[in-house]
Amino acid sequence: MRLAAKVCTAALAALSALSMAATAAPDIQTGDMVFQQSRSAQSLAIQQATHSPYSHMGMIVTRQGQPYVLEAAARVSYTPLSQWAAQGERGHYVVKRLRDASLLTPGARDQLAKAGAAYVGKPYDLVFAWSDDQIYCSELVWKIYQRVLGVKVGALAPLKSFDLASPAVQAKMRERYGKNIPWEEPIISPAAMFESDQLVTVGTF
């Protein structure tokens, strides 16, 4: 009897732990946006130019029942969410979603995923140009939402409007542009999307 009671107690404890974990975990869905502090060579420059810790982002796409991040890194590709999170600083990331949930019908989520798939394989845009030939992380997600739902998450801003004074930013600008700096090039930063009032936070990890 004592053994049975111990087994029962252990089983209840396990079920309780699973229940708490399920409660803590967000209902992550296709189309959700994820933000992190990247460990890439350009991360510090992006953080300082935008005054935000969030230097990289992507969009969740559910594949075979598992969450993947569609991201523009070396090329646009899918990365399992757990792997993507581990690549960020301290494994920390934030999940956000459109505030107007009525736009995110199952059909709309499917269209977001389909639009994202069209970018897979495109190379990363080191000079942040506003074209589809090459593409950077926040540009990828911004264009998907704008073209599928007509929603502009965050405001574009010219390169000259960012804080370009720090040595890290200056070094990256010399490396990428030389003397031909495109001051008026429109840019959408991860910070601008993260701070957009069109999004709500689903979970922070």
Protein backbone atom coordinates (compact mmCIF):
# COMPACT_ATOMS: atom_id res chain seq x y z
CA MET A 1 0.00 0.00 0.00
CA ARG A 2 2.80 2.38 0.88
CA LEU A 3 4.49 1.69 -2.48
CA ALA A 4 1.23 2.34 -4.32
CA ALA A 5 0.77 5.58 -2.41
CA LYS A 6 4.30 6.70 -3.29
CA VAL A 7 3.75 5.88 -6.98
CA CYS A 8 0.47 7.76 -6.93
CA THR A 9 2.09 10.76 -5.24
CA ALA A 10 4.94 10.77 -7.77
CA ALA A 11 2.48 10.53 -10.66
CA LEU A 12 0.44 13.44 -9.30
CA ALA A 13 3.59 15.51 -8.87
CA ALA A 14 4.62 14.78 -12.46
CA LEU A 15 1.19 15.71 -13.78
CA SER A 16 1.26 18.91 -11.74
CA ALA A 17 4.66 19.83 -13.17
CA LEU A 18 3.44 19.17 -16.70
CA SER A 19 0.36 21.27 -16.07
CA MET A 20 2.46 24.16 -14.76
CA ALA A 21 4.80 23.92 -17.76
CA ALA A 22 1.85 23.94 -20.15
CA THR A 23 0.43 26.98 -18.38
CA ALA A 24 3.76 28.81 -18.56
CA ALA A 25 4.38 28.02 -22.24
CA PRO A 26 2.67 30.31 -24.76
CA ASP A 27 0.39 29.06 -27.51
CA ILE A 28 2.93 29.85 -30.23
CA GLN A 29 1.37 30.01 -33.67
CA THR A 30 2.39 30.55 -37.28
CA GLY A 31 2.83 34.26 -37.88
CA ASP A 32 4.03 35.11 -34.37
CA MET A 33 7.17 37.24 -34.27
CA VAL A 34 10.19 36.38 -32.14
CA PHE A 35 12.91 38.76 -31.03
CA GLN A 36 16.32 38.13 -29.48
CA GLN A 37 19.73 39.66 -28.82
CA SER A 38 21.87 38.06 -31.48
CA ARG A 39 25.48 37.00 -30.95
CA SER A 40 26.40 37.95 -34.51
CA ALA A 41 29.32 40.23 -35.35
CA GLN A 42 26.95 43.10 -36.16
CA SER A 43 24.69 42.74 -33.14
CA LEU A 44 26.38 45.37 -30.97
CA ALA A 45 26.25 47.94 -33.79
CA ILE A 46 22.53 47.30 -34.32
CA GLN A 47 21.82 47.57 -30.60
CA GLN A 48 23.68 50.85 -30.31
CA ALA A 49 22.19 52.33 -33.49
CA THR A 50 18.63 51.51 -32.39
CA HIS A 51 18.99 51.82 -28.60
CA SER A 52 17.47 48.38 -28.16
CA PRO A 53 18.81 45.00 -26.98
CA TYR A 54 16.85 43.25 -29.73
CA SER A 55 19.07 42.93 -32.78
CA HIS A 56 17.52 39.93 -34.55
CA MET A 57 14.04 38.60 -35.24
CA GLY A 58 12.05 36.11 -37.27
CA MET A 59 8.57 34.70 -37.82
CA ILE A 60 7.17 31.46 -36.42
CA VAL A 61 6.09 28.84 -38.95
CA THR A 62 4.65 25.57 -37.68
CA ARG A 63 6.05 22.58 -39.61
CA GLN A 64 5.06 19.00 -38.85
CA GLY A 65 3.50 20.28 -35.67
CA GLN A 66 6.71 21.92 -34.41
CA PRO A 67 7.57 25.66 -34.21
CA TYR A 68 10.30 26.86 -36.55
CA VAL A 69 11.66 30.36 -37.03
CA LEU A 70 11.74 31.69 -40.56
CA GLU A 71 14.75 33.99 -40.41
CA ALA A 72 17.17 35.88 -42.61
CA ALA A 73 20.64 34.93 -41.40
CA ALA A 74 23.31 33.88 -43.92
CA ARG A 75 20.31 33.00 -46.09
CA VAL A 76 16.59 32.89 -45.44
CA SER A 77 15.84 29.53 -43.87
CA TYR A 78 13.87 27.69 -41.19
CA THR A 79 15.45 27.05 -37.78
CA PRO A 80 13.79 25.01 -35.00
CA LEU A 81 12.64 27.46 -32.31
CA SER A 82 14.67 25.72 -29.58
CA GLN A 83 17.83 25.97 -31.68
CA TRP A 84 17.09 29.57 -32.63
CA ALA A 85 16.59 30.53 -28.99
CA ALA A 86 19.86 28.88 -27.97
CA GLN A 87 21.73 30.98 -30.52
CA GLY A 88 20.66 34.21 -28.80
CA GLU A 89 22.21 35.85 -25.75
CA ARG A 90 21.37 33.79 -22.62
CA GLY A 91 18.72 31.96 -24.65
CA HIS A 92 16.38 34.91 -24.05
CA TYR A 93 13.64 35.73 -26.55
CA VAL A 94 10.27 37.46 -26.73
CA VAL A 95 7.21 36.30 -28.69
CA LYS A 96 4.84 38.95 -30.06
CA ARG A 97 1.61 38.83 -32.08
CA LEU A 98 -0.69 41.26 -33.87
CA ARG A 99 -2.93 43.09 -31.42
CA ASP A 100 -5.82 42.79 -33.89
CA ALA A 101 -6.21 39.01 -33.62
CA SER A 102 -9.19 39.07 -35.98
CA LEU A 103 -6.73 39.41 -38.87
CA LEU A 104 -4.98 36.18 -37.95
CA THR A 105 -7.48 33.67 -39.28
CA PRO A 106 -6.20 30.15 -40.09
CA GLY A 107 -6.26 31.11 -43.75
CA ALA A 108 -4.28 34.29 -43.10
CA ARG A 109 -1.66 32.34 -41.14
CA ASP A 110 -1.34 29.91 -44.03
CA GLN A 111 -0.83 32.84 -46.41
CA LEU A 112 1.85 34.33 -44.16
CA ALA A 113 3.69 30.99 -44.19
CA LYS A 114 3.31 30.68 -47.96
CA ALA A 115 4.60 34.22 -48.55
CA GLY A 116 7.55 33.54 -46.28
CA ALA A 117 8.45 30.35 -48.14
CA ALA A 118 8.96 32.39 -51.32
CA TYR A 119 11.98 34.08 -49.71
CA VAL A 120 13.75 30.87 -48.64
CA GLY A 121 17.27 30.72 -50.02
CA LYS A 122 17.66 34.47 -50.56
CA PRO A 123 20.99 35.80 -49.23
CA TYR A 124 21.26 38.13 -46.26
CA ASP A 125 21.45 41.81 -47.13
CA LEU A 126 24.57 43.25 -45.50
CA VAL A 127 23.83 46.82 -46.66
CA PHE A 128 20.14 46.84 -45.65
CA ALA A 129 18.88 47.87 -49.09
CA TRP A 130 15.12 48.02 -49.65
CA SER A 131 14.91 45.43 -52.42
CA ASP A 132 13.95 41.77 -52.59
CA ASP A 133 17.22 40.58 -54.17
CA GLN A 134 18.77 40.23 -50.73
CA ILE A 135 16.95 40.63 -47.44
CA TYR A 136 17.61 41.19 -43.74
CA CYS A 137 15.69 39.84 -40.76
CA SER A 138 13.19 42.56 -39.93
CA GLU A 139 12.71 43.46 -43.59
CA LEU A 140 11.67 39.86 -44.26
CA VAL A 141 8.92 39.82 -41.62
CA TRP A 142 7.78 43.39 -42.33
CA LYS A 143 7.31 42.66 -46.04
CA ILE A 144 5.48 39.40 -45.39
CA TYR A 145 2.92 41.17 -43.18
CA GLN A 146 2.58 44.19 -45.45
CA ARG A 147 2.07 42.12 -48.58
CA VAL A 148 -0.27 39.51 -47.10
CA LEU A 149 -2.32 41.51 -44.60
CA GLY A 150 -1.62 45.11 -45.63
CA VAL A 151 -0.24 45.74 -42.14
CA LYS A 152 2.90 47.82 -41.61
CA VAL A 153 4.39 46.71 -38.29
CA GLY A 154 6.69 49.54 -37.27
CA ALA A 155 7.73 52.62 -39.20
CA LEU A 156 10.49 52.68 -41.79
CA ALA A 157 13.19 55.27 -41.13
CA PRO A 158 16.12 56.56 -43.22
CA LEU A 159 19.59 55.33 -42.30
CA LYS A 160 20.58 58.85 -41.25
CA SER A 161 17.95 58.85 -38.49
CA PHE A 162 19.67 56.12 -36.46
CA ASP A 163 22.33 56.76 -33.82
CA LEU A 164 25.48 56.28 -35.90
CA ALA A 165 27.98 57.82 -33.50
CA SER A 166 29.42 54.82 -31.64
CA PRO A 167 32.73 53.24 -32.73
CA ALA A 168 31.00 49.88 -33.35
CA VAL A 169 28.47 51.48 -35.70
CA GLN A 170 31.10 53.57 -37.46
CA ALA A 171 33.26 50.50 -38.04
CA LYS A 172 30.37 48.54 -39.57
CA MET A 173 29.43 51.45 -41.82
CA ARG A 174 32.98 51.72 -43.15
CA GLU A 175 33.06 47.96 -43.69
CA ARG A 176 29.71 47.83 -45.51
CA TYR A 177 29.55 51.17 -47.35
CA GLY A 178 33.00 52.68 -47.56
CA LYS A 179 32.44 56.33 -48.46
CA ASN A 180 29.20 55.72 -50.35
CA ILE A 181 26.75 55.84 -47.44
CA PRO A 182 23.06 55.68 -48.52
CA TRP A 183 21.80 58.16 -45.94
CA GLU A 184 18.22 58.14 -47.25
CA GLU A 185 17.84 54.34 -47.56
CA PRO A 186 14.62 53.28 -45.77
CA ILE A 187 15.24 50.73 -43.03
CA ILE A 188 12.97 48.77 -40.74
CA SER A 189 14.80 47.75 -37.58
CA PRO A 190 13.94 44.92 -35.18
CA ALA A 191 13.55 47.61 -32.51
CA ALA A 192 10.91 49.50 -34.53
CA MET A 193 8.87 46.32 -34.92
CA PHE A 194 9.39 45.25 -31.30
CA GLU A 195 8.12 48.60 -30.05
CA SER A 196 5.16 48.81 -32.45
CA ASP A 197 1.82 49.33 -30.71
CA GLN A 198 0.29 46.97 -33.27
CA LEU A 199 1.86 44.04 -31.40
CA VAL A 200 1.20 42.46 -28.02
CA THR A 201 3.59 40.27 -26.07
CA VAL A 202 2.64 36.58 -25.99
CA GLY A 203 5.57 35.36 -23.89
CA THR A 204 9.03 36.29 -22.60
CA PHE A 205 11.70 33.63 -22.04
